[in-house]
Amino acid sequence: MRQLLVPFQLDSPVHYTYVLYSEKDCEWYTGATSDLRARVREHAEGRVRSTEQRRPLLLAYYEACLNREDAFRRERYLKTGRGKRYLRQRLAAWRGLLSREKLERH
């Protein structure tokens, strides 16, 4: 039986670019990290100054990169006008679900 070889990339550290949505002010926060779970937990617990007053937060989107610089470059792009337009289009269905939930709750 032939053994399946795992690509070397799956063994290397991964860096993430992520987008959080604030349910409080309906705004987005974009960041980058090497430990997505820990970083989202820090945001949720209010241990990140830029989002502590904007909780509760939802993880709306993330991308994995094999290189730290690529993750931070992607973060900078998503903060530009073109990057925000990309996210609006990419998350259109998800944003639609959010607005329907808000209508049903009130």
Protein backbone atom coordinates (compact mmCIF):
# COMPACT_ATOMS: atom_id res chain seq x y z
CA MET A 1 0.00 0.00 0.00
CA ARG A 2 1.31 3.41 -0.93
CA GLN A 3 1.71 6.00 1.84
CA LEU A 4 0.11 9.40 1.32
CA LEU A 5 2.69 12.15 1.64
CA VAL A 6 1.64 15.31 3.41
CA PRO A 7 2.79 18.49 1.68
CA PHE A 8 5.55 20.22 3.66
CA GLN A 9 3.36 23.33 3.98
CA LEU A 10 1.03 21.54 6.38
CA ASP A 11 3.89 21.12 8.85
CA SER A 12 4.96 24.76 8.83
CA PRO A 13 3.43 27.43 11.12
CA VAL A 14 0.39 29.21 9.75
CA HIS A 15 -0.39 32.91 10.13
CA TYR A 16 -3.90 34.29 9.91
CA THR A 17 -5.58 37.44 8.74
CA TYR A 18 -8.97 37.80 10.39
CA VAL A 19 -12.02 40.06 10.46
CA LEU A 20 -14.25 40.53 13.49
CA TYR A 21 -17.73 42.03 13.41
CA SER A 22 -18.91 44.10 16.37
CA GLU A 23 -22.53 43.45 17.26
CA LYS A 24 -22.45 46.60 19.39
CA ASP A 25 -21.52 49.17 16.74
CA CYS A 26 -21.89 47.07 13.53
CA GLU A 27 -18.30 47.89 12.54
CA TRP A 28 -15.45 45.63 11.39
CA TYR A 29 -12.03 45.02 12.92
CA THR A 30 -9.23 43.48 10.86
CA GLY A 31 -6.08 41.92 12.34
CA ALA A 32 -3.38 39.31 11.84
CA THR A 33 -1.96 36.68 14.20
CA SER A 34 -0.16 33.36 14.37
CA ASP A 35 -2.64 31.89 16.90
CA LEU A 36 -6.18 32.62 15.76
CA ARG A 37 -7.99 30.87 18.63
CA ALA A 38 -5.99 32.67 21.32
CA ARG A 39 -6.31 36.05 19.61
CA VAL A 40 -10.09 35.77 19.14
CA ARG A 41 -10.35 34.72 22.81
CA GLU A 42 -8.36 37.84 23.82
CA HIS A 43 -10.77 40.01 21.82
CA ALA A 44 -13.80 38.27 23.35
CA GLU A 45 -12.47 38.74 26.88
CA GLY A 46 -11.80 42.45 26.32
CA ARG A 47 -8.01 42.17 26.55
CA VAL A 48 -7.40 44.03 23.25
CA ARG A 49 -7.60 47.80 23.68
CA SER A 50 -8.93 48.52 20.18
CA THR A 51 -11.96 46.22 20.58
CA GLU A 52 -12.61 46.10 24.33
CA GLN A 53 -15.48 48.63 24.09
CA ARG A 54 -16.92 47.04 20.93
CA ARG A 55 -17.93 43.64 22.33
CA PRO A 56 -19.65 41.31 21.64
CA LEU A 57 -17.61 40.34 18.58
CA LEU A 58 -18.13 37.65 15.95
CA LEU A 59 -15.38 36.07 13.88
CA ALA A 60 -16.66 36.90 10.40
CA TYR A 61 -13.77 35.85 8.17
CA TYR A 62 -10.22 34.55 8.20
CA GLU A 63 -7.51 33.51 5.78
CA ALA A 64 -4.46 31.35 6.42
CA CYS A 65 -1.02 32.26 5.07
CA LEU A 66 2.20 30.28 5.18
CA ASN A 67 4.25 33.43 5.67
CA ARG A 68 3.92 36.06 8.42
CA GLU A 69 4.62 38.97 6.05
CA ASP A 70 1.90 37.76 3.66
CA ALA A 71 -0.65 37.69 6.50
CA PHE A 72 0.20 41.26 7.56
CA ARG A 73 0.23 42.43 3.94
CA ARG A 74 -3.26 40.94 3.49
CA GLU A 75 -4.41 42.69 6.68
CA ARG A 76 -3.23 46.04 5.30
CA TYR A 77 -5.01 45.35 2.00
CA LEU A 78 -8.31 44.46 3.69
CA LYS A 79 -8.19 47.80 5.51
CA THR A 80 -8.08 49.74 2.21
CA GLY A 81 -11.13 50.82 0.23
CA ARG A 82 -10.64 48.01 -2.29
CA GLY A 83 -10.14 45.49 0.49
CA LYS A 84 -13.33 46.59 2.25
CA ARG A 85 -15.22 46.30 -1.04
CA TYR A 86 -13.82 42.77 -1.45
CA LEU A 87 -15.03 41.85 2.04
CA ARG A 88 -18.51 43.29 1.45
CA GLN A 89 -18.83 41.14 -1.66
CA ARG A 90 -17.21 38.07 -0.08
CA LEU A 91 -19.42 38.25 3.02
CA ALA A 92 -22.65 39.35 1.33
CA ALA A 93 -24.62 36.21 2.25
CA TRP A 94 -23.30 36.24 5.83
CA ARG A 95 -24.18 39.93 6.21
CA GLY A 96 -27.67 39.16 4.90
CA LEU A 97 -28.12 36.54 7.62
CA LEU A 98 -27.05 39.07 10.24
CA SER A 99 -29.61 41.64 9.14
CA ARG A 100 -32.42 39.04 9.12
CA GLU A 101 -31.50 37.92 12.64
CA LYS A 102 -31.60 41.50 13.85
CA LEU A 103 -35.03 42.01 12.32
CA GLU A 104 -36.35 38.86 13.97
CA ARG A 105 -35.01 39.75 17.42
CA HIS A 106 -36.71 43.15 17.63
